[in-house]
């Protein structure tokens, strides 16, 4: 009760209430209780805070199975709940790789046992993420995989990608690609340019992304399959997506918060916690990502949460693993688009809720009677300082340490049950 209702799916932005019956939304609007709230109903006074659909993060790496010392489904879900994220889509880059039906079912079972939030598995495009033999796409979809991807690896072979897109189109399965041409990126550790030269490190050119995106768009044109770039970072690649959409191709893309909130200078003097994949780019590229989000070329914001332990990060830059955590900073860093870049609040939330839900066909992402009550209550103006030691993620490798941000989840609800509460 007493909430600012925000629903990007319908454009709703009004004061009102939301009624939950069991695990479903029963009613929502300005006049849910015209005669007052009955005393028999348990209430949360939102005190004017925003009440929105729970966030949906479609690119989350965990260490389970095989690297539980970095992250488990349980700790990832704890971090997600603290960040207002009610649904996570996990990558297949585990040990063993999620490339067959049994492993897809294992992830679903472990999530039911251990996770506080909704967990959906993706499956690998190629067996063992080796970029060669294709997996059984149809069977994987029947088992519950919501998309196929080789995680942080790109499918380098044009022939393998063509076959993948062709088969995927038969099952209406989304193909998610980390668009980095591996031979151009080989041996590179950060964006190719002045910063890399100053630090004496090999760089990754922007063309490594652009060439892969443009190649795949041609293959989408050939096959008609749905194709998604998981973490776009360059102005040229964004422009390629823009032109593909103008031709009516089923192409989408997402941006990670670090690509619109940071640039290559965040690497500083070999700061490995700012080593990402794709790497942080120039300020011009960062501004292009912001503009792509603002004008709609970039459809989704995804955290690309990639936990790495101390042994993987406390190394010389060239030897350190890429990746940063992001579940607990997804909301506040995304809200910088609202606070600093002039993007309407509903537009920011759209890229975190109904847009990812629609892409994957999930019954979520809207304040609609009959949908599961997956909700977040947050104050968009609450100031705080990022402190990774207070995070619930098992790994602490954030790129935003000590950053002043605004906006924090006060209550997170999954299927009608409170899974996180802080301040209300």
Protein backbone atom coordinates (compact mmCIF):
# COMPACT_ATOMS: atom_id res chain seq x y z
CA UNK A 1 0.00 0.00 0.00
CA UNK A 2 0.93 3.67 -0.43
CA UNK A 3 3.28 2.89 -3.32
CA UNK A 4 4.36 4.61 -6.49
CA UNK A 5 3.34 1.91 -8.96
CA UNK A 6 5.73 1.62 -11.90
CA UNK A 7 4.92 -0.83 -14.68
CA UNK A 8 6.85 -0.38 -17.93
CA UNK A 9 4.69 -3.03 -19.63
CA UNK A 10 1.65 -0.73 -19.48
CA UNK A 11 3.22 2.68 -18.87
CA UNK A 12 1.64 2.84 -15.41
CA UNK A 13 3.12 5.45 -13.07
CA UNK A 14 0.68 6.31 -10.32
CA UNK A 15 0.07 6.19 -6.60
CA UNK A 16 -1.79 3.09 -5.53
CA UNK A 17 -1.80 -0.37 -4.03
CA UNK A 18 -1.08 -3.92 -5.10
CA UNK A 19 -2.87 -6.98 -3.73
CA UNK A 20 -1.19 -10.38 -3.60
CA UNK A 21 -3.23 -13.56 -3.19
CA UNK A 22 -0.95 -16.50 -2.48
CA UNK A 23 1.83 -16.34 -5.03
CA UNK A 24 -0.06 -14.31 -7.66
CA UNK A 25 -0.89 -10.66 -8.21
CA UNK A 26 -4.64 -10.31 -7.58
CA UNK A 27 -5.18 -6.59 -8.23
CA UNK A 28 -3.24 -3.41 -8.79
CA UNK A 29 -4.15 0.25 -9.18
CA UNK A 30 -5.24 3.44 -7.51
CA UNK A 31 -8.50 2.03 -6.13
CA UNK A 32 -7.73 -1.49 -4.99
CA UNK A 33 -9.14 -0.69 -1.54
CA UNK A 34 -11.74 2.10 -2.03
CA UNK A 35 -13.15 1.52 1.47
CA UNK A 36 -9.80 1.11 3.19
CA UNK A 37 -7.56 -1.91 3.72
CA UNK A 38 -9.30 -4.72 5.63
CA UNK A 39 -7.68 -5.48 8.98
CA UNK A 40 -7.30 -9.14 8.03
CA UNK A 41 -4.81 -8.37 5.27
CA UNK A 42 -1.09 -8.24 6.02
CA UNK A 43 0.30 -5.00 4.61
CA UNK A 44 3.58 -3.33 3.74
CA UNK A 45 3.49 0.46 3.86
CA UNK A 46 5.70 1.47 0.95
CA UNK A 47 5.84 5.08 2.22
CA UNK A 48 5.76 6.38 -1.35
CA UNK A 49 8.67 4.21 -2.53
CA UNK A 50 8.56 2.73 -6.03
CA UNK A 51 6.87 -0.65 -6.47
CA UNK A 52 7.86 -2.33 -9.73
CA UNK A 53 8.11 -5.79 -11.25
CA UNK A 54 11.15 -7.65 -9.93
CA UNK A 55 14.25 -7.23 -12.06
CA UNK A 56 15.14 -9.97 -14.55
CA UNK A 57 18.85 -10.52 -15.17
CA UNK A 58 19.46 -12.66 -18.24
CA UNK A 59 23.25 -13.07 -17.99
CA UNK A 60 24.53 -14.50 -14.70
CA UNK A 61 27.53 -16.77 -14.27
CA UNK A 62 27.72 -19.03 -11.23
CA UNK A 63 30.27 -21.58 -10.11
CA UNK A 64 27.81 -24.40 -9.63
CA UNK A 65 28.63 -27.06 -10.59
CA UNK A 66 32.42 -27.22 -10.45
CA UNK A 67 33.56 -23.89 -8.99
CA UNK A 68 31.39 -23.45 -5.92
CA UNK A 69 34.22 -21.54 -4.21
CA UNK A 70 33.40 -18.62 -6.54
CA UNK A 71 29.59 -18.70 -6.37
CA UNK A 72 26.75 -21.14 -5.83
CA UNK A 73 23.15 -20.94 -6.93
CA UNK A 74 22.29 -20.20 -3.29
CA UNK A 75 24.73 -17.30 -2.90
CA UNK A 76 23.90 -15.90 -6.33
CA UNK A 77 20.22 -15.93 -5.40
CA UNK A 78 20.97 -14.20 -2.08
CA UNK A 79 22.84 -11.48 -3.97
CA UNK A 80 20.04 -11.23 -6.53
CA UNK A 81 17.38 -10.82 -3.86
CA UNK A 82 19.42 -8.10 -2.15
CA UNK A 83 19.63 -6.28 -5.48
CA UNK A 84 15.92 -6.46 -6.26
CA UNK A 85 16.45 -9.17 -8.88
CA UNK A 86 13.73 -11.83 -8.80
CA UNK A 87 14.79 -13.87 -11.84
CA UNK A 88 18.27 -14.88 -12.98
CA UNK A 89 19.21 -16.68 -16.17
CA UNK A 90 22.39 -18.66 -15.62
CA UNK A 91 25.09 -19.34 -18.17
CA UNK A 92 26.23 -22.86 -19.15
CA UNK A 93 29.89 -22.15 -18.43
CA UNK A 94 30.24 -24.58 -15.54
CA UNK A 95 32.19 -27.79 -14.91
CA UNK A 96 30.77 -29.90 -16.43
CA UNK A 97 29.34 -27.63 -19.10
CA UNK A 98 25.53 -27.45 -19.30
CA UNK A 99 25.38 -29.08 -22.70
CA UNK A 100 22.97 -31.97 -22.21
CA UNK A 101 19.50 -32.60 -20.84
CA UNK A 102 20.68 -34.08 -17.53
CA UNK A 103 22.63 -30.96 -16.63
CA UNK A 104 19.78 -28.62 -17.55
CA UNK A 105 17.57 -30.66 -15.24
CA UNK A 106 20.27 -30.60 -12.54
CA UNK A 107 20.35 -26.79 -12.55
CA UNK A 108 16.55 -26.63 -12.32
CA UNK A 109 16.53 -29.11 -9.43
CA UNK A 110 19.34 -27.37 -7.51
CA UNK A 111 17.58 -24.03 -7.98
CA UNK A 112 14.37 -25.41 -6.49
CA UNK A 113 16.34 -26.72 -3.52
CA UNK A 114 18.64 -23.78 -2.82
CA UNK A 115 17.63 -20.56 -4.58
CA UNK A 116 15.49 -17.74 -3.21
CA UNK A 117 14.74 -16.34 -6.66
CA UNK A 118 13.61 -17.80 -9.97
CA UNK A 119 16.46 -19.48 -11.84
CA UNK A 120 16.33 -20.40 -15.53
CA UNK A 121 19.16 -22.30 -17.22
CA UNK A 122 20.64 -21.66 -20.62
CA UNK A 123 22.43 -24.44 -22.48
CA UNK A 124 25.59 -24.48 -24.53
CA UNK A 125 25.52 -23.98 -28.29
CA UNK A 126 28.45 -26.35 -28.79
CA UNK A 127 29.50 -29.40 -26.82
CA UNK A 128 31.97 -28.46 -24.11
CA UNK A 129 31.90 -24.84 -25.36
CA UNK A 130 34.53 -25.89 -27.89
CA UNK A 131 32.90 -24.18 -30.86
CA UNK A 132 32.58 -27.37 -32.91
CA UNK A 133 29.84 -29.98 -32.47
CA UNK A 134 26.35 -28.61 -31.87
CA UNK A 135 24.25 -29.61 -28.91
CA UNK A 136 20.74 -31.08 -29.15
CA UNK A 137 18.85 -27.79 -29.28
CA UNK A 138 15.32 -29.20 -29.38
CA UNK A 139 15.86 -31.59 -26.48
CA UNK A 140 17.53 -28.88 -24.42
CA UNK A 141 14.55 -26.59 -24.93
CA UNK A 142 12.16 -29.35 -23.88
CA UNK A 143 14.27 -29.87 -20.75
CA UNK A 144 13.85 -26.22 -19.77
CA UNK A 145 16.71 -24.26 -21.33
CA UNK A 146 15.44 -20.78 -22.24
CA UNK A 147 18.24 -19.95 -24.69
CA UNK A 148 21.50 -21.30 -26.03
CA UNK A 149 24.88 -19.60 -25.66
CA UNK A 150 28.52 -20.47 -25.30
CA UNK A 151 28.78 -18.08 -22.36
CA UNK A 152 31.90 -15.95 -22.47
CA UNK A 153 33.09 -17.76 -25.60
CA UNK A 154 32.11 -16.77 -29.11
CA UNK A 155 31.10 -19.24 -31.80
CA UNK A 156 33.97 -18.47 -34.14
CA UNK A 157 33.04 -20.74 -37.04
CA UNK A 158 30.63 -19.12 -39.46
CA UNK A 159 29.48 -22.57 -40.59
CA UNK A 160 28.72 -23.70 -37.03
CA UNK A 161 26.86 -20.47 -36.34
CA UNK A 162 24.88 -20.78 -39.56
CA UNK A 163 23.81 -24.33 -38.64
CA UNK A 164 23.02 -23.25 -35.08
CA UNK A 165 20.80 -20.41 -36.24
CA UNK A 166 19.09 -22.64 -38.76
CA UNK A 167 18.28 -25.35 -36.21
CA UNK A 168 17.39 -22.81 -33.50
CA UNK A 169 14.86 -21.15 -35.81
CA UNK A 170 13.01 -24.48 -36.07
CA UNK A 171 12.46 -24.46 -32.29
CA UNK A 172 12.12 -20.67 -31.86
CA UNK A 173 15.15 -20.87 -29.58
CA UNK A 174 17.07 -17.67 -28.87
CA UNK A 175 20.77 -17.74 -29.77
CA UNK A 176 22.91 -15.57 -27.49
CA UNK A 177 26.39 -14.64 -28.69
CA UNK A 178 29.32 -13.03 -26.88
CA UNK A 179 30.42 -11.10 -29.95
CA UNK A 180 34.21 -11.14 -29.80
CA UNK A 181 36.11 -12.44 -32.83
CA UNK A 182 38.60 -14.67 -30.99
CA UNK A 183 41.56 -14.43 -33.35
CA UNK A 184 41.47 -10.63 -33.20
CA UNK A 185 41.08 -10.72 -29.41
CA UNK A 186 43.77 -13.37 -28.90
CA UNK A 187 46.33 -12.21 -26.36
CA UNK A 188 44.46 -8.96 -25.66
CA UNK A 189 43.55 -7.84 -22.17
CA UNK A 190 41.88 -4.43 -22.47
CA UNK A 191 40.67 -2.03 -25.14
CA UNK A 192 43.22 -1.38 -27.86
CA UNK A 193 44.27 2.25 -27.67
CA UNK A 194 46.11 4.84 -25.63
CA UNK A 195 45.49 3.24 -22.22
CA UNK A 196 46.71 -0.18 -23.40
CA UNK A 197 49.80 1.41 -24.93
CA UNK A 198 50.58 3.33 -21.74
CA UNK A 199 50.26 0.19 -19.63
CA UNK A 200 52.29 -1.87 -22.07
CA UNK A 201 49.53 -4.44 -22.58
CA UNK A 202 48.14 -6.00 -25.74
CA UNK A 203 44.73 -4.62 -26.64
CA UNK A 204 41.50 -5.89 -28.15
CA UNK A 205 40.36 -3.75 -31.11
CA UNK A 206 36.76 -2.63 -31.43
CA UNK A 207 36.71 -4.43 -34.78
CA UNK A 208 36.74 -7.75 -32.90
CA UNK A 209 33.19 -6.99 -31.83
CA UNK A 210 31.98 -5.25 -34.97
CA UNK A 211 33.15 -7.98 -37.36
CA UNK A 212 31.43 -10.70 -35.32
CA UNK A 213 28.17 -8.75 -35.02
CA UNK A 214 28.09 -7.93 -38.74
CA UNK A 215 28.88 -11.53 -39.71
CA UNK A 216 26.13 -12.89 -37.48
CA UNK A 217 23.60 -10.37 -38.78
CA UNK A 218 24.25 -11.71 -42.29
CA UNK A 219 23.60 -15.23 -41.00
CA UNK A 220 20.40 -14.10 -39.29
CA UNK A 221 19.29 -12.69 -42.63
CA UNK A 222 20.00 -16.09 -44.17
CA UNK A 223 18.24 -18.20 -41.51
CA UNK A 224 15.58 -15.98 -39.89
CA UNK A 225 16.63 -17.07 -36.37
CA UNK A 226 16.34 -14.93 -33.25
CA UNK A 227 19.79 -13.60 -32.31
CA UNK A 228 20.96 -11.67 -29.26
CA UNK A 229 24.29 -9.97 -28.52
CA UNK A 230 24.85 -10.48 -24.80
CA UNK A 231 27.04 -7.48 -23.98
CA UNK A 232 27.50 -4.82 -26.63
CA UNK A 233 30.24 -2.26 -26.06
CA UNK A 234 31.18 -0.36 -29.23
CA UNK A 235 29.59 2.42 -31.24
CA UNK A 236 30.14 0.58 -34.53
CA UNK A 237 28.47 -2.63 -33.32
CA UNK A 238 25.52 -0.67 -31.95
CA UNK A 239 25.14 1.00 -35.32
CA UNK A 240 25.17 -2.42 -37.02
CA UNK A 241 22.36 -3.58 -34.72
CA UNK A 242 20.45 -0.37 -35.41
CA UNK A 243 20.64 -0.96 -39.17
CA UNK A 244 19.63 -4.62 -38.79
CA UNK A 245 16.57 -3.65 -36.79
CA UNK A 246 15.63 -1.08 -39.42
CA UNK A 247 15.59 -3.98 -41.92
CA UNK A 248 13.22 -5.89 -39.66
CA UNK A 249 15.67 -8.61 -38.61
CA UNK A 250 15.01 -10.46 -35.30
CA UNK A 251 18.14 -9.06 -33.65
CA UNK A 252 18.43 -7.76 -30.07
CA UNK A 253 21.23 -6.80 -27.75
CA UNK A 254 22.01 -6.04 -24.12
CA UNK A 255 24.46 -3.78 -22.34
CA UNK A 256 26.23 -4.42 -19.06
CA UNK A 257 26.20 -1.56 -16.54
CA UNK A 258 29.98 -1.24 -16.61
CA UNK A 259 29.84 -0.42 -20.32
CA UNK A 260 27.59 2.61 -19.80
CA UNK A 261 28.95 3.68 -16.40
CA UNK A 262 32.71 3.23 -16.89
CA UNK A 263 35.28 3.67 -19.62
CA UNK A 264 38.77 2.27 -20.16
CA UNK A 265 40.30 4.76 -17.75
CA UNK A 266 38.75 2.79 -14.87
CA UNK A 267 41.55 0.25 -15.40
CA UNK A 268 43.86 2.87 -13.86
CA UNK A 269 47.20 1.34 -12.99
CA UNK A 270 46.48 -2.32 -13.74
CA UNK A 271 43.24 -2.54 -11.72
CA UNK A 272 42.17 -6.12 -12.39
CA UNK A 273 38.71 -5.60 -10.86
CA UNK A 274 38.00 -3.49 -13.97
CA UNK A 275 39.07 -6.25 -16.36
CA UNK A 276 35.93 -7.23 -18.24
CA UNK A 277 34.88 -9.11 -21.36
CA UNK A 278 34.26 -7.32 -23.66
CA UNK A 279 36.73 -4.82 -22.22
CA UNK A 280 35.86 -1.33 -21.05
CA UNK A 281 35.97 0.92 -24.08
CA UNK A 282 36.60 4.60 -24.86
CA UNK A 283 34.44 7.44 -23.59
CA UNK A 284 32.99 7.78 -27.09
CA UNK A 285 31.91 4.15 -26.99
CA UNK A 286 30.46 4.58 -23.50
CA UNK A 287 28.36 7.50 -24.70
CA UNK A 288 27.23 5.43 -27.69
CA UNK A 289 26.01 2.72 -25.29
CA UNK A 290 24.08 5.34 -23.32
CA UNK A 291 22.52 6.68 -26.51
CA UNK A 292 21.72 3.15 -27.69
CA UNK A 293 19.85 2.52 -24.47
CA UNK A 294 18.08 5.86 -24.60
CA UNK A 295 16.82 5.54 -28.18
CA UNK A 296 16.02 1.84 -27.97
CA UNK A 297 18.62 0.11 -30.11
CA UNK A 298 19.87 -1.64 -26.97
CA UNK A 299 16.92 -3.61 -25.64
CA UNK A 300 18.08 -4.92 -22.29
CA UNK A 301 20.39 -4.24 -19.37
CA UNK A 302 22.03 -7.40 -18.00
CA UNK A 303 24.57 -7.47 -15.19
CA UNK A 304 26.94 -10.04 -16.76
CA UNK A 305 27.56 -11.07 -13.14
CA UNK A 306 30.80 -13.07 -13.28
CA UNK A 307 32.24 -13.90 -9.85
CA UNK A 308 35.98 -14.46 -9.57
CA UNK A 309 37.83 -15.38 -6.38
CA UNK A 310 40.91 -13.61 -5.01
CA UNK A 311 43.29 -16.11 -6.63
CA UNK A 312 41.82 -15.23 -10.04
CA UNK A 313 42.02 -11.45 -9.61
CA UNK A 314 45.01 -10.72 -7.36
CA UNK A 315 47.40 -11.34 -10.24
CA UNK A 316 49.27 -9.26 -12.84
CA UNK A 317 46.69 -7.77 -15.21
CA UNK A 318 47.63 -10.00 -18.13
CA UNK A 319 47.15 -13.14 -16.01
CA UNK A 320 43.99 -12.13 -14.13
CA UNK A 321 40.63 -13.50 -15.19
CA UNK A 322 38.08 -11.12 -16.72
CA UNK A 323 34.72 -10.56 -15.06
CA UNK A 324 32.99 -8.53 -12.36
CA UNK A 325 30.05 -9.19 -10.08
CA UNK A 326 26.93 -7.15 -10.72
CA UNK A 327 23.74 -8.49 -9.16
CA UNK A 328 23.80 -6.12 -6.19
CA UNK A 329 24.78 -3.06 -8.25
CA UNK A 330 22.48 -3.70 -11.24
CA UNK A 331 19.67 -1.46 -9.98
CA UNK A 332 21.65 1.54 -8.65
CA UNK A 333 24.07 1.71 -11.58
CA UNK A 334 21.21 1.38 -14.06
CA UNK A 335 19.44 4.22 -12.24
CA UNK A 336 22.39 6.45 -13.16
CA UNK A 337 20.78 6.55 -16.60
CA UNK A 338 17.79 8.19 -14.91
CA UNK A 339 19.71 10.43 -12.53
CA UNK A 340 22.54 11.52 -14.84
CA UNK A 341 21.60 10.80 -18.45
CA UNK A 342 18.01 12.05 -18.66
CA UNK A 343 16.45 8.67 -19.38
CA UNK A 344 12.85 8.29 -18.08
CA UNK A 345 12.56 5.97 -15.08
CA UNK A 346 10.03 3.72 -16.82
CA UNK A 347 12.37 3.34 -19.78
CA UNK A 348 15.21 2.24 -17.50
CA UNK A 349 12.96 -0.27 -15.75
CA UNK A 350 11.65 -1.59 -19.07
CA UNK A 351 15.14 -2.82 -19.94
CA UNK A 352 15.30 -4.65 -16.61
CA UNK A 353 11.82 -6.18 -16.53
CA UNK A 354 9.37 -6.62 -19.40
CA UNK A 355 12.02 -6.47 -22.16
CA UNK A 356 14.03 -9.48 -20.91
CA UNK A 357 10.81 -11.31 -19.97
CA UNK A 358 9.43 -10.84 -23.50
CA UNK A 359 12.69 -11.89 -25.12
CA UNK A 360 12.72 -15.21 -23.27
CA UNK A 361 8.96 -15.77 -23.13
CA UNK A 362 8.78 -15.63 -19.32
CA UNK A 363 5.53 -15.02 -17.43
CA UNK A 364 7.03 -12.13 -15.52
CA UNK A 365 8.08 -8.52 -15.80
CA UNK A 366 4.73 -6.77 -15.32
CA UNK A 367 2.31 -5.67 -12.59
CA UNK A 368 -0.58 -7.66 -13.99
CA UNK A 369 -3.24 -9.71 -12.18
CA UNK A 370 -2.61 -13.40 -12.75
CA UNK A 371 1.17 -13.10 -13.01
CA UNK A 372 3.47 -14.32 -10.23
CA UNK A 373 3.99 -11.72 -7.50
CA UNK A 374 7.68 -11.06 -8.26
CA UNK A 375 8.18 -7.52 -7.05
CA UNK A 376 10.72 -4.98 -5.87
CA UNK A 377 10.11 -1.96 -3.65
CA UNK A 378 12.91 0.59 -3.89
CA UNK A 379 13.80 4.18 -3.17
CA UNK A 380 15.39 5.57 -6.35
CA UNK A 381 17.02 8.40 -4.43
CA UNK A 382 18.59 6.55 -1.49
CA UNK A 383 22.31 7.35 -1.48
CA UNK A 384 24.89 4.74 -0.53
CA UNK A 385 28.50 3.79 -1.15
CA UNK A 386 29.37 0.50 -2.83
CA UNK A 387 31.23 -1.73 -0.36
CA UNK A 388 31.86 -5.22 -1.68
CA UNK A 389 32.61 -6.61 1.77
CA UNK A 390 28.93 -6.12 2.62
CA UNK A 391 27.73 -7.92 -0.50
CA UNK A 392 26.10 -11.34 -0.28
CA UNK A 393 27.83 -12.66 -3.37
CA UNK A 394 30.56 -15.14 -2.42
CA UNK A 395 33.07 -13.29 -4.61
CA UNK A 396 33.78 -9.57 -4.16
CA UNK A 397 35.18 -8.53 -7.54
CA UNK A 398 33.12 -5.42 -8.22
CA UNK A 399 34.27 -2.71 -10.62
CA UNK A 400 32.28 -0.13 -8.61
CA UNK A 401 34.01 -0.29 -5.21
CA UNK A 402 33.60 3.02 -3.28
CA UNK A 403 31.31 4.45 -5.96
CA UNK A 404 28.56 6.77 -4.70
CA UNK A 405 25.23 5.55 -6.09
CA UNK A 406 21.52 6.20 -5.62
CA UNK A 407 18.73 3.67 -5.41
CA UNK A 408 18.43 0.48 -3.40
CA UNK A 409 15.97 -2.39 -3.01
CA UNK A 410 14.06 -2.14 0.28
CA UNK A 411 11.89 -5.24 -0.21
CA UNK A 412 12.15 -8.05 -2.74
CA UNK A 413 9.22 -10.44 -3.20
CA UNK A 414 9.29 -13.72 -5.15
CA UNK A 415 6.03 -15.61 -5.73
CA UNK A 416 4.36 -13.60 -2.97
CA UNK A 417 7.05 -14.31 -0.35
CA UNK A 418 9.47 -11.71 0.99
CA UNK A 419 13.01 -12.89 0.21
CA UNK A 420 14.84 -9.69 1.15
CA UNK A 421 13.98 -6.79 3.41
CA UNK A 422 16.04 -3.73 4.20
CA UNK A 423 14.40 -0.61 5.59
CA UNK A 424 10.63 -1.14 5.28
